[in-house]
């Protein structure tokens, strides 16, 4: 089984999200187009899709059953949910959770800025 490896990032000129292959630390594209992106916004696809059919990327903010407003993070060779306040990580398992992407740390930092807890 082949795993789909793709990325997203915000363009340097329009600040819009683009999707495709990582062609350098600041270039995302496909066979026809390429875009210069802000390096800190480059996020890898996790291979998971949320309950609404939305691709889940690193740095997305998700709710998953009792985990609320957790950040998707690449940690110890795999994707996990991270509670930024306590730096705790939770396993990224579709068998136990129903995921929903509610934003990302770049466009929706306000969602996680004033959290009092992680659940």
C-alpha atoms as a PDB file:
ATOM      1  CA  UNK A   1       0.000   0.000   0.000  1.00  0.00           C
ATOM      2  CA  UNK A   2       1.376   3.379  -1.018  1.00  0.00           C
ATOM      3  CA  UNK A   3       1.121   6.306   1.372  1.00  0.00           C
ATOM      4  CA  UNK A   4       0.202   9.660  -0.140  1.00  0.00           C
ATOM      5  CA  UNK A   5       2.816  12.253   0.781  1.00  0.00           C
ATOM      6  CA  UNK A   6       1.690  15.820   0.183  1.00  0.00           C
ATOM      7  CA  UNK A   7       2.071  19.176   1.831  1.00  0.00           C
ATOM      8  CA  UNK A   8       0.359  22.532   2.198  1.00  0.00           C
ATOM      9  CA  UNK A   9       1.788  25.993   2.815  1.00  0.00           C
ATOM     10  CA  UNK A  10       0.820  29.656   2.587  1.00  0.00           C
ATOM     11  CA  UNK A  11       2.162  31.525  -0.436  1.00  0.00           C
ATOM     12  CA  UNK A  12       4.542  34.427   0.075  1.00  0.00           C
ATOM     13  CA  UNK A  13       2.670  36.695  -2.346  1.00  0.00           C
ATOM     14  CA  UNK A  14      -1.061  36.082  -1.680  1.00  0.00           C
ATOM     15  CA  UNK A  15      -0.957  34.369   1.745  1.00  0.00           C
ATOM     16  CA  UNK A  16      -3.296  31.694   0.335  1.00  0.00           C
ATOM     17  CA  UNK A  17      -2.970  27.962   1.007  1.00  0.00           C
ATOM     18  CA  UNK A  18      -1.491  25.820  -1.770  1.00  0.00           C
ATOM     19  CA  UNK A  19      -1.183  22.038  -1.846  1.00  0.00           C
ATOM     20  CA  UNK A  20       1.230  19.643  -3.513  1.00  0.00           C
ATOM     21  CA  UNK A  21       4.693  18.166  -3.292  1.00  0.00           C
ATOM     22  CA  UNK A  22       7.468  19.745  -1.252  1.00  0.00           C
ATOM     23  CA  UNK A  23      10.108  20.817  -3.769  1.00  0.00           C
ATOM     24  CA  UNK A  24      12.346  22.672  -1.320  1.00  0.00           C
ATOM     25  CA  UNK A  25      11.998  24.217   2.105  1.00  0.00           C
ATOM     26  CA  UNK A  26       9.944  27.031   0.602  1.00  0.00           C
ATOM     27  CA  UNK A  27       8.460  25.621  -2.621  1.00  0.00           C
ATOM     28  CA  UNK A  28       5.284  23.553  -2.972  1.00  0.00           C
ATOM     29  CA  UNK A  29       3.888  22.472  -6.301  1.00  0.00           C
ATOM     30  CA  UNK A  30       2.964  19.798  -8.778  1.00  0.00           C
ATOM     31  CA  UNK A  31       4.100  18.889 -12.278  1.00  0.00           C
ATOM     32  CA  UNK A  32       2.717  22.099 -13.816  1.00  0.00           C
ATOM     33  CA  UNK A  33       2.939  24.792 -11.116  1.00  0.00           C
ATOM     34  CA  UNK A  34       5.082  25.711  -8.166  1.00  0.00           C
ATOM     35  CA  UNK A  35       4.620  28.299  -5.438  1.00  0.00           C
ATOM     36  CA  UNK A  36       6.969  30.007  -3.024  1.00  0.00           C
ATOM     37  CA  UNK A  37       5.596  29.500   0.477  1.00  0.00           C
ATOM     38  CA  UNK A  38       6.325  30.809   3.963  1.00  0.00           C
ATOM     39  CA  UNK A  39       8.563  28.011   5.373  1.00  0.00           C
ATOM     40  CA  UNK A  40       7.041  27.979   8.871  1.00  0.00           C
ATOM     41  CA  UNK A  41       3.584  27.236   7.353  1.00  0.00           C
ATOM     42  CA  UNK A  42       4.686  24.081   5.523  1.00  0.00           C
ATOM     43  CA  UNK A  43       2.610  21.218   6.926  1.00  0.00           C
ATOM     44  CA  UNK A  44       2.584  17.540   5.954  1.00  0.00           C
ATOM     45  CA  UNK A  45      -0.568  15.512   5.263  1.00  0.00           C
ATOM     46  CA  UNK A  46      -1.086  12.901   8.004  1.00  0.00           C
ATOM     47  CA  UNK A  47      -2.794  10.351   5.791  1.00  0.00           C
ATOM     48  CA  UNK A  48      -5.989  10.801   7.836  1.00  0.00           C
ATOM     49  CA  UNK A  49      -9.291  12.404   6.874  1.00  0.00           C
ATOM     50  CA  UNK A  50     -11.690  13.940   9.388  1.00  0.00           C
ATOM     51  CA  UNK A  51     -15.373  13.044   9.841  1.00  0.00           C
ATOM     52  CA  UNK A  52     -16.321  15.679   7.231  1.00  0.00           C
ATOM     53  CA  UNK A  53     -13.926  14.399   4.557  1.00  0.00           C
ATOM     54  CA  UNK A  54     -11.289  17.105   5.201  1.00  0.00           C
ATOM     55  CA  UNK A  55      -7.615  16.123   4.947  1.00  0.00           C
ATOM     56  CA  UNK A  56      -5.794  16.409   8.291  1.00  0.00           C
ATOM     57  CA  UNK A  57      -2.395  18.130   8.180  1.00  0.00           C
ATOM     58  CA  UNK A  58       0.338  18.775  10.694  1.00  0.00           C
ATOM     59  CA  UNK A  59      -0.420  22.038  12.582  1.00  0.00           C
ATOM     60  CA  UNK A  60      -4.179  21.623  12.187  1.00  0.00           C
ATOM     61  CA  UNK A  61      -6.331  22.161  15.250  1.00  0.00           C
ATOM     62  CA  UNK A  62      -8.726  19.285  15.845  1.00  0.00           C
ATOM     63  CA  UNK A  63     -11.422  18.079  18.153  1.00  0.00           C
ATOM     64  CA  UNK A  64     -11.581  14.338  18.730  1.00  0.00           C
ATOM     65  CA  UNK A  65     -14.259  13.032  21.071  1.00  0.00           C
ATOM     66  CA  UNK A  66     -13.070  14.230  24.471  1.00  0.00           C
ATOM     67  CA  UNK A  67      -9.863  15.891  23.158  1.00  0.00           C
ATOM     68  CA  UNK A  68     -10.756  19.495  22.359  1.00  0.00           C
ATOM     69  CA  UNK A  69      -8.612  21.998  20.454  1.00  0.00           C
ATOM     70  CA  UNK A  70      -5.518  19.830  20.138  1.00  0.00           C
ATOM     71  CA  UNK A  71      -2.768  20.559  17.628  1.00  0.00           C
ATOM     72  CA  UNK A  72      -1.689  17.866  15.168  1.00  0.00           C
ATOM     73  CA  UNK A  73       2.055  17.427  15.669  1.00  0.00           C
ATOM     74  CA  UNK A  74       4.786  15.184  14.267  1.00  0.00           C
ATOM     75  CA  UNK A  75       6.462  13.701  17.344  1.00  0.00           C
ATOM     76  CA  UNK A  76       8.654  10.617  17.849  1.00  0.00           C
ATOM     77  CA  UNK A  77       8.277   9.331  14.271  1.00  0.00           C
ATOM     78  CA  UNK A  78       4.515   9.750  14.001  1.00  0.00           C
ATOM     79  CA  UNK A  79       1.580  12.131  14.135  1.00  0.00           C
ATOM     80  CA  UNK A  80       0.025  12.868  17.524  1.00  0.00           C
ATOM     81  CA  UNK A  81      -2.337  15.334  19.142  1.00  0.00           C
ATOM     82  CA  UNK A  82      -0.461  17.855  21.250  1.00  0.00           C
ATOM     83  CA  UNK A  83      -1.923  19.858  24.080  1.00  0.00           C
ATOM     84  CA  UNK A  84       0.280  22.935  23.839  1.00  0.00           C
ATOM     85  CA  UNK A  85      -0.380  24.166  27.358  1.00  0.00           C
ATOM     86  CA  UNK A  86       0.967  21.011  29.020  1.00  0.00           C
ATOM     87  CA  UNK A  87       3.103  19.690  26.125  1.00  0.00           C
ATOM     88  CA  UNK A  88       1.370  16.321  26.469  1.00  0.00           C
ATOM     89  CA  UNK A  89       0.842  14.107  23.430  1.00  0.00           C
ATOM     90  CA  UNK A  90      -1.982  11.703  22.596  1.00  0.00           C
ATOM     91  CA  UNK A  91      -1.848   8.919  20.031  1.00  0.00           C
ATOM     92  CA  UNK A  92      -3.384   9.633  16.637  1.00  0.00           C
ATOM     93  CA  UNK A  93      -5.634   6.579  16.254  1.00  0.00           C
ATOM     94  CA  UNK A  94      -8.766   6.443  14.083  1.00  0.00           C
ATOM     95  CA  UNK A  95      -9.959   3.351  15.944  1.00  0.00           C
ATOM     96  CA  UNK A  96     -10.631   5.387  19.090  1.00  0.00           C
ATOM     97  CA  UNK A  97     -11.581   8.860  17.871  1.00  0.00           C
ATOM     98  CA  UNK A  98     -13.729  10.780  15.434  1.00  0.00           C
ATOM     99  CA  UNK A  99     -11.623  13.719  14.263  1.00  0.00           C
ATOM    100  CA  UNK A 100     -12.829  17.123  13.133  1.00  0.00           C
ATOM    101  CA  UNK A 101     -10.532  19.848  11.818  1.00  0.00           C
ATOM    102  CA  UNK A 102     -11.615  23.187  13.303  1.00  0.00           C
ATOM    103  CA  UNK A 103      -8.710  25.315  12.053  1.00  0.00           C
ATOM    104  CA  UNK A 104      -4.925  25.553  12.061  1.00  0.00           C
ATOM    105  CA  UNK A 105      -2.311  27.337  14.160  1.00  0.00           C
ATOM    106  CA  UNK A 106      -1.596  29.935  11.462  1.00  0.00           C
ATOM    107  CA  UNK A 107      -5.122  31.128  10.624  1.00  0.00           C
ATOM    108  CA  UNK A 108      -6.842  30.354  13.932  1.00  0.00           C
ATOM    109  CA  UNK A 109      -4.299  30.959  16.692  1.00  0.00           C
ATOM    110  CA  UNK A 110      -7.098  32.531  18.743  1.00  0.00           C
ATOM    111  CA  UNK A 111      -8.656  29.068  19.182  1.00  0.00           C
ATOM    112  CA  UNK A 112      -5.719  27.885  21.273  1.00  0.00           C
ATOM    113  CA  UNK A 113      -4.417  31.148  22.736  1.00  0.00           C
ATOM    114  CA  UNK A 114      -6.589  31.251  25.835  1.00  0.00           C
ATOM    115  CA  UNK A 115      -7.322  27.596  26.521  1.00  0.00           C
ATOM    116  CA  UNK A 116      -7.581  26.841  30.199  1.00  0.00           C
ATOM    117  CA  UNK A 117      -7.092  23.126  29.718  1.00  0.00           C
ATOM    118  CA  UNK A 118      -6.691  20.419  27.134  1.00  0.00           C
ATOM    119  CA  UNK A 119      -9.920  18.477  27.343  1.00  0.00           C
END
